[in-house]
């Protein structure tokens, strides 16, 4: 069974209202030792304020106190409780963010950070690579001729495939492995001369040489 966001998220929700002063937001972040906080309006998520949102611009001059709504990031990148941990990790990586609220019907029910998502992945890249190879073999996809590299949970696939079905299976099976944060498809769609020899017996049976 794959680990889901609900299994790793923090349910200790610290949020602020749209009219919460910036000073109070800063005090809250420091007191709770967190890097960001959701902004809600009538319990519904409308934004998020992180440390970077609170950094003044060089040309900015002191002015009257502001509120959370003035600096929050919106719309917000969110997750659901049913998202898998690999899916959540890919979302954070793609958007280059460190945390995301978990929502249910527009309301915040949890918070997930990068460190939360890393907890199930206390595995080496070598272990992940071995599991990817095994998954390809059991998935009736011959991995010969495919270079599999893993760095910090990101799998890179390289090699000539020449078969759209095989390419889809390679990336799908690699992505299904626990510990895989993302898959980089660097496969060459042009078939090589030895492509036929590398196909599985099933693929050779259904495709003429």
N, C-alpha and C. Protein backbone atom coordinates (compact mmCIF):
# COMPACT_ATOMS: atom_id res chain seq x y z
N UNK A 1 0.84 -1.19 0.00
CA UNK A 1 0.00 0.00 0.00
C UNK A 1 0.88 1.24 0.00
N UNK A 2 0.58 2.20 -0.85
CA UNK A 2 1.38 3.40 -0.96
C UNK A 2 1.01 4.40 0.14
N UNK A 3 2.00 5.14 0.60
CA UNK A 3 1.78 6.14 1.63
C UNK A 3 1.05 7.34 1.05
N UNK A 4 0.01 7.80 1.75
CA UNK A 4 -0.78 8.94 1.30
C UNK A 4 -0.45 10.17 2.13
N UNK A 5 -0.86 11.33 1.61
CA UNK A 5 -0.62 12.59 2.30
C UNK A 5 -1.21 12.56 3.70
N UNK A 6 -2.38 11.97 3.87
CA UNK A 6 -3.02 11.94 5.19
C UNK A 6 -2.17 11.20 6.22
N UNK A 7 -1.28 10.32 5.75
CA UNK A 7 -0.43 9.55 6.67
C UNK A 7 0.74 10.36 7.20
N UNK A 8 1.11 11.44 6.51
CA UNK A 8 2.31 12.19 6.91
C UNK A 8 2.03 13.65 7.25
N UNK A 9 0.85 14.15 6.94
CA UNK A 9 0.56 15.58 7.14
C UNK A 9 0.45 15.91 8.62
N UNK A 10 0.71 17.17 8.94
CA UNK A 10 0.51 17.67 10.29
C UNK A 10 -0.91 18.19 10.40
N UNK A 11 -1.63 17.75 11.44
CA UNK A 11 -3.00 18.21 11.64
C UNK A 11 -3.05 19.34 12.66
N UNK A 12 -1.88 19.75 13.13
CA UNK A 12 -1.81 20.92 14.02
C UNK A 12 -1.80 22.16 13.13
N UNK A 13 -2.97 22.68 12.87
CA UNK A 13 -3.13 23.75 11.89
C UNK A 13 -3.00 25.11 12.56
N UNK A 14 -2.07 25.90 12.07
CA UNK A 14 -1.90 27.28 12.51
C UNK A 14 -2.22 28.16 11.32
N UNK A 15 -3.26 28.97 11.42
CA UNK A 15 -3.69 29.82 10.31
C UNK A 15 -3.95 31.23 10.81
N UNK A 16 -4.00 32.17 9.88
CA UNK A 16 -4.32 33.56 10.21
C UNK A 16 -5.47 34.02 9.34
N UNK A 17 -6.10 35.08 9.77
CA UNK A 17 -7.19 35.68 9.00
C UNK A 17 -6.62 36.69 8.00
N UNK A 18 -7.43 37.07 7.03
CA UNK A 18 -6.97 38.02 6.01
C UNK A 18 -6.61 39.37 6.63
N UNK A 19 -7.25 39.73 7.76
CA UNK A 19 -6.98 41.02 8.36
C UNK A 19 -5.98 40.95 9.52
N UNK A 20 -5.31 39.80 9.68
CA UNK A 20 -4.27 39.71 10.71
C UNK A 20 -3.10 40.60 10.32
N UNK A 21 -2.59 41.37 11.27
CA UNK A 21 -1.51 42.30 10.96
C UNK A 21 -0.22 41.56 10.62
N UNK A 22 0.63 42.19 9.82
CA UNK A 22 1.90 41.59 9.45
C UNK A 22 2.75 41.33 10.70
N UNK A 23 2.72 42.26 11.65
CA UNK A 23 3.48 42.08 12.88
C UNK A 23 3.05 40.81 13.62
N UNK A 24 1.74 40.57 13.68
CA UNK A 24 1.25 39.38 14.35
C UNK A 24 1.62 38.11 13.57
N UNK A 25 1.59 38.17 12.24
CA UNK A 25 2.00 37.02 11.43
C UNK A 25 3.46 36.68 11.72
N UNK A 26 4.32 37.68 11.75
CA UNK A 26 5.74 37.45 12.01
C UNK A 26 5.94 36.85 13.40
N UNK A 27 5.25 37.39 14.41
CA UNK A 27 5.37 36.84 15.76
C UNK A 27 4.92 35.39 15.80
N UNK A 28 3.86 35.08 15.05
CA UNK A 28 3.34 33.71 15.01
C UNK A 28 4.36 32.76 14.39
N UNK A 29 4.97 33.15 13.27
CA UNK A 29 5.96 32.31 12.61
C UNK A 29 7.15 32.05 13.52
N UNK A 30 7.61 33.09 14.20
CA UNK A 30 8.77 32.95 15.09
C UNK A 30 8.42 32.07 16.30
N UNK A 31 7.25 32.31 16.87
CA UNK A 31 6.85 31.56 18.07
C UNK A 31 6.65 30.08 17.76
N UNK A 32 6.03 29.79 16.63
CA UNK A 32 5.76 28.39 16.27
C UNK A 32 6.93 27.74 15.52
N UNK A 33 7.93 28.56 15.14
CA UNK A 33 9.09 28.06 14.40
C UNK A 33 8.67 27.37 13.11
N UNK A 34 7.85 28.07 12.35
CA UNK A 34 7.40 27.56 11.06
C UNK A 34 7.73 28.58 9.98
N UNK A 35 7.75 28.13 8.73
CA UNK A 35 8.15 29.01 7.63
C UNK A 35 7.03 29.58 6.81
N UNK A 36 5.79 29.22 7.16
CA UNK A 36 4.66 29.72 6.40
C UNK A 36 3.36 29.42 7.11
N UNK A 37 2.31 30.16 6.76
CA UNK A 37 1.04 29.97 7.43
C UNK A 37 -0.10 30.22 6.44
N UNK A 38 -1.15 29.37 6.42
CA UNK A 38 -2.30 29.60 5.54
C UNK A 38 -3.08 30.83 5.98
N UNK A 39 -3.73 31.47 5.01
CA UNK A 39 -4.60 32.61 5.28
C UNK A 39 -6.02 32.18 4.95
N UNK A 40 -6.93 32.38 5.90
CA UNK A 40 -8.31 31.94 5.70
C UNK A 40 -9.27 33.10 5.83
N UNK A 41 -10.40 32.95 5.20
CA UNK A 41 -11.49 33.92 5.30
C UNK A 41 -12.77 33.11 5.53
N UNK A 42 -13.32 33.24 6.74
CA UNK A 42 -14.49 32.44 7.10
C UNK A 42 -14.18 30.94 6.96
N UNK A 43 -12.99 30.57 7.43
CA UNK A 43 -12.50 29.19 7.47
C UNK A 43 -12.11 28.63 6.11
N UNK A 44 -12.30 29.37 5.04
CA UNK A 44 -11.94 28.88 3.71
C UNK A 44 -10.58 29.43 3.32
N UNK A 45 -9.75 28.58 2.73
CA UNK A 45 -8.39 28.96 2.35
C UNK A 45 -8.42 29.97 1.21
N UNK A 46 -7.71 31.08 1.40
CA UNK A 46 -7.65 32.09 0.34
C UNK A 46 -6.22 32.46 -0.04
N UNK A 47 -5.24 32.03 0.76
CA UNK A 47 -3.85 32.38 0.44
C UNK A 47 -2.90 31.74 1.42
N UNK A 48 -1.62 32.05 1.27
CA UNK A 48 -0.60 31.57 2.19
C UNK A 48 0.48 32.63 2.29
N UNK A 49 1.00 32.82 3.50
CA UNK A 49 2.08 33.77 3.74
C UNK A 49 3.31 32.99 4.18
N UNK A 50 4.40 33.14 3.45
CA UNK A 50 5.66 32.49 3.81
C UNK A 50 6.70 33.54 4.16
N UNK A 51 7.84 33.09 4.64
CA UNK A 51 8.90 34.02 5.02
C UNK A 51 9.29 34.92 3.85
N UNK A 52 9.32 34.36 2.63
CA UNK A 52 9.73 35.15 1.47
C UNK A 52 8.73 36.26 1.17
N UNK A 53 7.46 36.05 1.48
CA UNK A 53 6.44 37.09 1.26
C UNK A 53 6.65 38.28 2.18
N UNK A 54 7.33 38.04 3.30
CA UNK A 54 7.50 39.09 4.30
C UNK A 54 8.80 39.87 4.13
N UNK A 55 9.62 39.47 3.15
CA UNK A 55 10.86 40.20 2.91
C UNK A 55 10.55 41.48 2.15
N UNK A 56 10.92 42.66 2.70
CA UNK A 56 10.62 43.92 2.00
C UNK A 56 11.45 44.08 0.75
N UNK A 57 10.86 44.68 -0.28
CA UNK A 57 11.60 44.97 -1.50
C UNK A 57 12.59 46.09 -1.24
N UNK A 58 13.73 46.12 -1.95
CA UNK A 58 14.74 47.14 -1.71
C UNK A 58 14.19 48.56 -1.84
N UNK A 59 13.26 48.77 -2.77
CA UNK A 59 12.74 50.12 -3.00
C UNK A 59 11.56 50.46 -2.10
N UNK A 60 11.14 49.49 -1.28
CA UNK A 60 9.96 49.70 -0.47
C UNK A 60 10.27 50.61 0.72
N UNK A 61 9.44 51.58 0.98
CA UNK A 61 9.62 52.50 2.10
C UNK A 61 8.62 52.15 3.21
N UNK A 62 8.98 52.49 4.44
CA UNK A 62 8.04 52.22 5.55
C UNK A 62 6.69 52.89 5.29
N UNK A 63 5.63 52.18 5.61
CA UNK A 63 4.30 52.74 5.45
C UNK A 63 3.39 52.18 6.53
N UNK A 64 2.14 52.49 6.47
CA UNK A 64 1.22 52.06 7.51
C UNK A 64 1.18 50.54 7.59
N UNK A 65 0.90 50.00 8.78
CA UNK A 65 0.89 48.54 8.97
C UNK A 65 0.00 47.84 7.95
N UNK A 66 0.51 46.74 7.45
CA UNK A 66 -0.25 45.97 6.48
C UNK A 66 -0.85 44.73 7.13
N UNK A 67 -1.69 44.05 6.38
CA UNK A 67 -2.32 42.82 6.88
C UNK A 67 -1.95 41.66 5.98
N UNK A 68 -2.30 40.46 6.42
CA UNK A 68 -1.91 39.24 5.70
C UNK A 68 -2.39 39.25 4.26
N UNK A 69 -3.57 39.77 4.01
CA UNK A 69 -4.12 39.78 2.65
C UNK A 69 -3.26 40.59 1.69
N UNK A 70 -2.48 41.56 2.22
CA UNK A 70 -1.67 42.40 1.35
C UNK A 70 -0.44 41.69 0.79
N UNK A 71 0.04 40.68 1.50
CA UNK A 71 1.30 40.04 1.11
C UNK A 71 1.15 38.56 0.76
N UNK A 72 -0.02 37.99 1.02
CA UNK A 72 -0.18 36.55 0.81
C UNK A 72 -0.04 36.17 -0.66
N UNK A 73 0.35 34.94 -0.88
CA UNK A 73 0.41 34.36 -2.22
C UNK A 73 -0.92 33.69 -2.52
N UNK A 74 -1.51 34.03 -3.66
CA UNK A 74 -2.79 33.45 -4.06
C UNK A 74 -2.85 33.42 -5.59
N UNK A 75 -3.45 32.40 -6.20
CA UNK A 75 -4.04 31.23 -5.54
C UNK A 75 -2.97 30.33 -4.92
N UNK A 76 -3.40 29.41 -4.11
CA UNK A 76 -2.49 28.57 -3.34
C UNK A 76 -2.35 27.19 -4.00
N UNK A 77 -1.13 26.68 -4.03
CA UNK A 77 -0.90 25.29 -4.45
C UNK A 77 -1.32 24.40 -3.29
N UNK A 78 -2.28 23.52 -3.51
CA UNK A 78 -2.81 22.69 -2.43
C UNK A 78 -2.69 21.21 -2.75
N UNK A 79 -2.90 20.41 -1.73
CA UNK A 79 -2.92 18.95 -1.85
C UNK A 79 -4.19 18.43 -1.22
N UNK A 80 -4.50 17.17 -1.50
CA UNK A 80 -5.63 16.51 -0.85
C UNK A 80 -5.11 15.36 -0.01
N UNK A 81 -5.94 14.89 0.90
CA UNK A 81 -5.54 13.78 1.78
C UNK A 81 -5.28 12.50 1.00
N UNK A 82 -5.92 12.37 -0.17
CA UNK A 82 -5.80 11.14 -0.94
C UNK A 82 -4.64 11.16 -1.93
N UNK A 83 -3.94 12.28 -2.05
CA UNK A 83 -2.76 12.31 -2.91
C UNK A 83 -1.70 11.40 -2.32
N UNK A 84 -0.95 10.72 -3.18
CA UNK A 84 0.14 9.88 -2.69
C UNK A 84 1.33 10.77 -2.34
N UNK A 85 2.20 10.27 -1.49
CA UNK A 85 3.40 11.03 -1.11
C UNK A 85 4.27 11.34 -2.33
N UNK A 86 4.49 10.40 -3.27
CA UNK A 86 5.26 10.76 -4.47
C UNK A 86 4.61 11.87 -5.27
N UNK A 87 3.27 11.83 -5.41
CA UNK A 87 2.57 12.88 -6.15
C UNK A 87 2.76 14.23 -5.47
N UNK A 88 2.64 14.24 -4.13
CA UNK A 88 2.81 15.48 -3.37
C UNK A 88 4.22 16.02 -3.50
N UNK A 89 5.21 15.13 -3.46
CA UNK A 89 6.60 15.56 -3.59
C UNK A 89 6.85 16.19 -4.96
N UNK A 90 6.22 15.61 -6.00
CA UNK A 90 6.38 16.18 -7.34
C UNK A 90 5.73 17.56 -7.44
N UNK A 91 4.60 17.75 -6.77
CA UNK A 91 3.93 19.06 -6.79
C UNK A 91 4.83 20.12 -6.15
N UNK A 92 5.38 19.80 -4.97
CA UNK A 92 6.25 20.76 -4.30
C UNK A 92 7.49 21.04 -5.12
N UNK A 93 8.04 20.01 -5.73
CA UNK A 93 9.25 20.19 -6.54
C UNK A 93 8.96 21.02 -7.78
N UNK A 94 7.83 20.75 -8.44
CA UNK A 94 7.49 21.45 -9.67
C UNK A 94 7.24 22.94 -9.42
N UNK A 95 6.62 23.24 -8.29
CA UNK A 95 6.30 24.64 -7.98
C UNK A 95 7.40 25.32 -7.15
N UNK A 96 8.42 24.54 -6.79
CA UNK A 96 9.56 25.07 -6.02
C UNK A 96 9.09 25.71 -4.72
N UNK A 97 8.27 24.97 -3.99
CA UNK A 97 7.78 25.43 -2.70
C UNK A 97 8.14 24.41 -1.63
N UNK A 98 8.13 24.86 -0.37
CA UNK A 98 8.56 24.00 0.73
C UNK A 98 7.39 23.41 1.51
N UNK A 99 6.20 23.92 1.29
CA UNK A 99 5.04 23.44 2.04
C UNK A 99 3.76 23.68 1.24
N UNK A 100 2.71 22.94 1.59
CA UNK A 100 1.42 23.13 0.92
C UNK A 100 0.31 22.74 1.88
N UNK A 101 -0.78 23.51 1.92
CA UNK A 101 -1.93 23.14 2.73
C UNK A 101 -2.64 21.92 2.13
N UNK A 102 -3.22 21.13 3.00
CA UNK A 102 -4.05 20.00 2.58
C UNK A 102 -5.50 20.43 2.80
N UNK A 103 -6.29 20.39 1.74
CA UNK A 103 -7.65 20.91 1.84
C UNK A 103 -8.70 19.83 1.61
N UNK A 104 -9.84 20.06 2.25
CA UNK A 104 -11.02 19.21 2.04
C UNK A 104 -12.21 20.15 1.91
N UNK A 105 -12.79 20.18 0.71
CA UNK A 105 -13.93 21.07 0.42
C UNK A 105 -13.60 22.52 0.75
N UNK A 106 -12.39 22.93 0.37
CA UNK A 106 -11.99 24.32 0.52
C UNK A 106 -11.46 24.70 1.88
N UNK A 107 -11.51 23.78 2.84
CA UNK A 107 -11.04 24.07 4.19
C UNK A 107 -9.73 23.32 4.48
N UNK A 108 -8.86 23.98 5.23
CA UNK A 108 -7.56 23.40 5.54
C UNK A 108 -7.72 22.34 6.62
N UNK A 109 -7.21 21.13 6.33
CA UNK A 109 -7.28 20.04 7.31
C UNK A 109 -5.89 19.56 7.71
N UNK A 110 -4.86 20.13 7.07
CA UNK A 110 -3.50 19.73 7.41
C UNK A 110 -2.48 20.55 6.62
N UNK A 111 -1.23 20.35 6.99
CA UNK A 111 -0.12 21.00 6.30
C UNK A 111 0.95 19.94 6.01
N UNK A 112 1.51 20.00 4.81
CA UNK A 112 2.59 19.08 4.44
C UNK A 112 3.82 19.89 4.06
N UNK A 113 4.96 19.51 4.60
CA UNK A 113 6.23 20.16 4.26
C UNK A 113 7.13 19.16 3.55
N UNK A 114 8.22 19.67 2.99
CA UNK A 114 9.17 18.79 2.32
C UNK A 114 9.69 17.72 3.27
N UNK A 115 9.98 18.09 4.50
CA UNK A 115 10.51 17.10 5.45
C UNK A 115 9.48 16.02 5.77
N UNK A 116 8.19 16.38 5.81
CA UNK A 116 7.14 15.37 6.01
C UNK A 116 7.17 14.33 4.90
N UNK A 117 7.38 14.80 3.68
CA UNK A 117 7.33 13.90 2.53
C UNK A 117 8.58 13.04 2.43
N UNK A 118 9.66 13.47 3.05
CA UNK A 118 10.90 12.70 2.99
C UNK A 118 10.93 11.56 3.99
N UNK A 119 10.10 11.62 5.02
CA UNK A 119 10.16 10.60 6.07
C UNK A 119 9.97 9.17 5.57
N UNK A 120 9.03 8.93 4.62
CA UNK A 120 8.88 7.54 4.14
C UNK A 120 10.03 7.11 3.22
N UNK A 121 10.93 8.05 2.88
CA UNK A 121 11.93 7.77 1.86
C UNK A 121 13.33 7.64 2.42
N UNK A 122 13.46 7.04 3.58
CA UNK A 122 14.78 6.86 4.15
C UNK A 122 15.45 5.67 3.47
N UNK A 123 15.66 5.80 2.17
CA UNK A 123 16.25 4.74 1.35
C UNK A 123 17.33 5.35 0.48
N UNK A 124 18.29 4.53 0.09
CA UNK A 124 19.37 5.03 -0.75
C UNK A 124 18.93 5.03 -2.21
N UNK A 125 19.64 5.83 -3.02
CA UNK A 125 19.36 5.85 -4.46
C UNK A 125 19.60 4.48 -5.08
N UNK A 126 20.59 3.75 -4.54
CA UNK A 126 20.89 2.41 -5.07
C UNK A 126 19.71 1.46 -4.84
N UNK A 127 19.08 1.56 -3.67
CA UNK A 127 17.91 0.72 -3.38
C UNK A 127 16.75 1.06 -4.31
N UNK A 128 16.56 2.36 -4.55
CA UNK A 128 15.48 2.77 -5.45
C UNK A 128 15.75 2.26 -6.86
N UNK A 129 17.00 2.37 -7.30
CA UNK A 129 17.36 1.92 -8.65
C UNK A 129 17.09 0.41 -8.81
N UNK A 130 17.45 -0.37 -7.78
CA UNK A 130 17.21 -1.82 -7.84
C UNK A 130 15.72 -2.11 -7.93
N UNK A 131 14.90 -1.36 -7.20
CA UNK A 131 13.45 -1.56 -7.25
C UNK A 131 12.87 -1.18 -8.61
N UNK A 132 13.43 -0.12 -9.22
CA UNK A 132 12.97 0.28 -10.55
C UNK A 132 13.27 -0.82 -11.56
N UNK A 133 14.48 -1.38 -11.51
CA UNK A 133 14.84 -2.46 -12.43
C UNK A 133 13.91 -3.66 -12.24
N UNK A 134 13.64 -4.00 -10.97
CA UNK A 134 12.77 -5.15 -10.69
C UNK A 134 11.35 -4.88 -11.19
N UNK A 135 10.87 -3.65 -11.02
CA UNK A 135 9.52 -3.30 -11.47
C UNK A 135 9.41 -3.41 -12.99
N UNK A 136 10.46 -3.02 -13.70
CA UNK A 136 10.44 -3.11 -15.16
C UNK A 136 10.39 -4.56 -15.61
N UNK A 137 11.17 -5.41 -14.96
CA UNK A 137 11.18 -6.83 -15.32
C UNK A 137 9.82 -7.47 -15.05
N UNK A 138 9.25 -7.20 -13.88
CA UNK A 138 7.95 -7.79 -13.53
C UNK A 138 6.82 -7.18 -14.34
N UNK A 139 7.06 -6.00 -14.91
CA UNK A 139 6.05 -5.35 -15.71
C UNK A 139 6.14 -5.70 -17.18
N UNK A 140 6.89 -6.78 -17.50
CA UNK A 140 7.05 -7.24 -18.88
C UNK A 140 7.69 -6.17 -19.77
N UNK A 141 8.63 -5.42 -19.19
CA UNK A 141 9.39 -4.44 -19.96
C UNK A 141 10.87 -4.75 -19.76
N UNK A 142 11.52 -5.22 -20.79
CA UNK A 142 12.94 -5.56 -20.71
C UNK A 142 13.76 -4.29 -20.54
N UNK A 143 14.51 -4.17 -19.39
CA UNK A 143 15.27 -2.94 -19.15
C UNK A 143 16.61 -2.88 -19.87
N UNK A 144 16.98 -3.94 -20.61
CA UNK A 144 18.26 -3.90 -21.31
C UNK A 144 18.29 -2.78 -22.35
N UNK A 145 19.40 -2.09 -22.39
CA UNK A 145 19.54 -0.97 -23.31
C UNK A 145 19.02 0.33 -22.73
N UNK A 146 18.44 0.28 -21.52
CA UNK A 146 17.93 1.48 -20.85
C UNK A 146 18.86 1.82 -19.70
N UNK A 147 19.36 3.03 -19.69
CA UNK A 147 20.22 3.50 -18.60
C UNK A 147 19.33 4.11 -17.52
N UNK A 148 19.41 3.56 -16.30
CA UNK A 148 18.62 4.04 -15.18
C UNK A 148 19.54 4.71 -14.17
N UNK A 149 19.32 5.99 -13.94
CA UNK A 149 20.10 6.73 -12.95
C UNK A 149 19.16 7.34 -11.91
N UNK A 150 19.61 7.33 -10.65
CA UNK A 150 18.81 7.88 -9.57
C UNK A 150 19.67 8.85 -8.76
N UNK A 151 19.16 10.05 -8.57
CA UNK A 151 19.86 11.05 -7.77
C UNK A 151 18.85 11.75 -6.87
N UNK A 152 19.00 11.56 -5.56
CA UNK A 152 18.10 12.17 -4.58
C UNK A 152 16.63 11.86 -4.87
N UNK A 153 16.36 10.61 -5.26
CA UNK A 153 15.00 10.17 -5.50
C UNK A 153 14.44 10.47 -6.86
N UNK A 154 15.21 11.20 -7.70
CA UNK A 154 14.75 11.52 -9.06
C UNK A 154 15.36 10.51 -10.03
N UNK A 155 14.52 9.77 -10.74
CA UNK A 155 14.97 8.74 -11.68
C UNK A 155 15.07 9.34 -13.08
N UNK A 156 16.21 9.11 -13.72
CA UNK A 156 16.39 9.52 -15.12
C UNK A 156 16.51 8.27 -15.98
N UNK A 157 15.69 8.19 -17.03
CA UNK A 157 15.70 7.06 -17.95
C UNK A 157 16.26 7.53 -19.29
N UNK A 158 17.28 6.84 -19.77
CA UNK A 158 17.87 7.17 -21.07
C UNK A 158 18.01 5.90 -21.89
N UNK A 159 17.98 6.05 -23.21
CA UNK A 159 18.14 4.92 -24.11
C UNK A 159 17.17 5.01 -25.27
N UNK A 160 17.34 4.17 -26.27
CA UNK A 160 16.47 4.15 -27.45
C UNK A 160 15.31 3.19 -27.19
N UNK A 161 14.10 3.66 -27.44
CA UNK A 161 12.94 2.81 -27.23
C UNK A 161 12.26 2.43 -28.54
N UNK A 162 11.93 3.42 -29.37
CA UNK A 162 11.34 3.12 -30.67
C UNK A 162 9.94 2.56 -30.60
N UNK A 163 9.33 2.61 -29.43
CA UNK A 163 8.02 2.02 -29.24
C UNK A 163 7.30 2.86 -28.19
N UNK A 164 6.21 3.51 -28.57
CA UNK A 164 5.51 4.41 -27.66
C UNK A 164 4.98 3.66 -26.44
N UNK A 165 4.51 2.42 -26.65
CA UNK A 165 3.97 1.64 -25.54
C UNK A 165 5.06 1.34 -24.53
N UNK A 166 6.21 0.94 -25.02
CA UNK A 166 7.32 0.61 -24.12
C UNK A 166 7.77 1.85 -23.35
N UNK A 167 7.78 2.99 -24.03
CA UNK A 167 8.19 4.23 -23.37
C UNK A 167 7.23 4.59 -22.24
N UNK A 168 5.93 4.47 -22.51
CA UNK A 168 4.94 4.77 -21.47
C UNK A 168 5.08 3.84 -20.28
N UNK A 169 5.29 2.56 -20.56
CA UNK A 169 5.43 1.59 -19.48
C UNK A 169 6.67 1.86 -18.64
N UNK A 170 7.76 2.21 -19.28
CA UNK A 170 9.00 2.50 -18.56
C UNK A 170 8.80 3.62 -17.55
N UNK A 171 8.23 4.72 -18.01
CA UNK A 171 8.06 5.87 -17.12
C UNK A 171 6.99 5.59 -16.05
N UNK A 172 5.91 4.90 -16.43
CA UNK A 172 4.84 4.61 -15.48
C UNK A 172 5.33 3.70 -14.36
N UNK A 173 6.06 2.64 -14.72
CA UNK A 173 6.54 1.70 -13.72
C UNK A 173 7.59 2.35 -12.81
N UNK A 174 8.47 3.16 -13.38
CA UNK A 174 9.47 3.84 -12.56
C UNK A 174 8.80 4.79 -11.57
N UNK A 175 7.77 5.47 -12.02
CA UNK A 175 7.08 6.44 -11.18
C UNK A 175 6.32 5.76 -10.04
N UNK A 176 6.00 4.48 -10.19
CA UNK A 176 5.19 3.78 -9.19
C UNK A 176 5.98 3.33 -7.97
N UNK A 177 7.30 3.46 -8.00
CA UNK A 177 8.14 2.96 -6.92
C UNK A 177 8.14 3.93 -5.75
N UNK A 178 7.93 3.41 -4.54
CA UNK A 178 8.04 4.25 -3.35
C UNK A 178 9.45 4.79 -3.24
N UNK A 179 9.56 6.07 -2.98
CA UNK A 179 10.87 6.70 -2.90
C UNK A 179 11.20 7.51 -4.13
N UNK A 180 10.47 7.26 -5.22
CA UNK A 180 10.70 8.02 -6.45
C UNK A 180 9.93 9.33 -6.38
N UNK A 181 10.65 10.44 -6.37
CA UNK A 181 10.02 11.76 -6.32
C UNK A 181 9.57 12.20 -7.70
N UNK A 182 10.40 11.90 -8.71
CA UNK A 182 10.03 12.29 -10.07
C UNK A 182 10.79 11.41 -11.05
N UNK A 183 10.32 11.38 -12.30
CA UNK A 183 10.97 10.62 -13.36
C UNK A 183 11.27 11.56 -14.52
N UNK A 184 12.53 11.60 -14.91
CA UNK A 184 12.95 12.40 -16.06
C UNK A 184 13.01 11.48 -17.28
N UNK A 185 12.15 11.73 -18.24
CA UNK A 185 12.09 10.91 -19.46
C UNK A 185 13.06 11.48 -20.49
N UNK A 186 14.26 10.87 -20.56
CA UNK A 186 15.24 11.25 -21.56
C UNK A 186 15.38 10.16 -22.60
N UNK A 187 14.32 9.38 -22.78
CA UNK A 187 14.33 8.26 -23.72
C UNK A 187 14.27 8.77 -25.15
N UNK A 188 15.00 8.08 -26.04
CA UNK A 188 15.05 8.46 -27.44
C UNK A 188 13.97 7.67 -28.19
N UNK A 189 13.00 8.35 -28.79
CA UNK A 189 11.93 7.63 -29.50
C UNK A 189 12.40 6.93 -30.75
N UNK A 190 13.59 7.26 -31.24
CA UNK A 190 14.11 6.60 -32.44
C UNK A 190 14.66 5.25 -32.07
N UNK A 191 14.19 4.20 -32.74
CA UNK A 191 14.65 2.83 -32.44
C UNK A 191 16.08 2.64 -32.91
N UNK A 192 16.85 1.92 -32.10
CA UNK A 192 18.21 1.58 -32.49
C UNK A 192 18.19 0.24 -33.23
N UNK A 193 19.34 -0.11 -33.82
CA UNK A 193 19.41 -1.36 -34.58
C UNK A 193 19.16 -2.57 -33.70
N UNK A 194 19.54 -2.44 -32.43
CA UNK A 194 19.37 -3.59 -31.54
C UNK A 194 18.08 -3.55 -30.77
N UNK A 195 17.17 -2.68 -31.15
CA UNK A 195 15.94 -2.52 -30.39
C UNK A 195 15.12 -3.79 -30.36
N UNK A 196 15.06 -4.49 -31.48
CA UNK A 196 14.25 -5.71 -31.54
C UNK A 196 14.78 -6.75 -30.58
N UNK A 197 16.09 -6.83 -30.45
CA UNK A 197 16.67 -7.85 -29.58
C UNK A 197 16.38 -7.53 -28.12
N UNK A 198 16.16 -6.24 -27.81
CA UNK A 198 15.95 -5.85 -26.43
C UNK A 198 14.49 -5.97 -26.01
N UNK A 199 13.59 -6.17 -26.96
CA UNK A 199 12.17 -6.26 -26.60
C UNK A 199 11.89 -7.55 -25.83
N UNK A 200 10.87 -7.48 -25.01
CA UNK A 200 10.46 -8.67 -24.27
C UNK A 200 9.88 -9.70 -25.24
N UNK A 201 9.81 -10.98 -24.83
CA UNK A 201 9.22 -12.01 -25.71
C UNK A 201 7.81 -11.66 -26.15
N UNK A 202 7.03 -11.05 -25.28
CA UNK A 202 5.67 -10.69 -25.63
C UNK A 202 5.67 -9.64 -26.73
N UNK A 203 6.55 -8.59 -26.59
CA UNK A 203 6.61 -7.54 -27.59
C UNK A 203 7.09 -8.09 -28.94
N UNK A 204 8.06 -9.02 -28.91
CA UNK A 204 8.56 -9.61 -30.17
C UNK A 204 7.48 -10.45 -30.84
N UNK A 205 6.58 -11.04 -30.05
CA UNK A 205 5.55 -11.90 -30.62
C UNK A 205 4.48 -11.09 -31.34
N UNK A 206 4.24 -9.86 -30.87
CA UNK A 206 3.16 -9.08 -31.46
C UNK A 206 3.65 -8.08 -32.50
N UNK A 207 4.98 -7.91 -32.63
CA UNK A 207 5.50 -6.96 -33.61
C UNK A 207 6.41 -7.69 -34.60
N UNK A 208 6.21 -7.52 -35.90
CA UNK A 208 7.06 -8.17 -36.85
C UNK A 208 8.44 -7.54 -36.86
N UNK A 209 9.46 -8.34 -37.21
CA UNK A 209 10.83 -7.81 -37.30
C UNK A 209 11.04 -7.15 -38.64
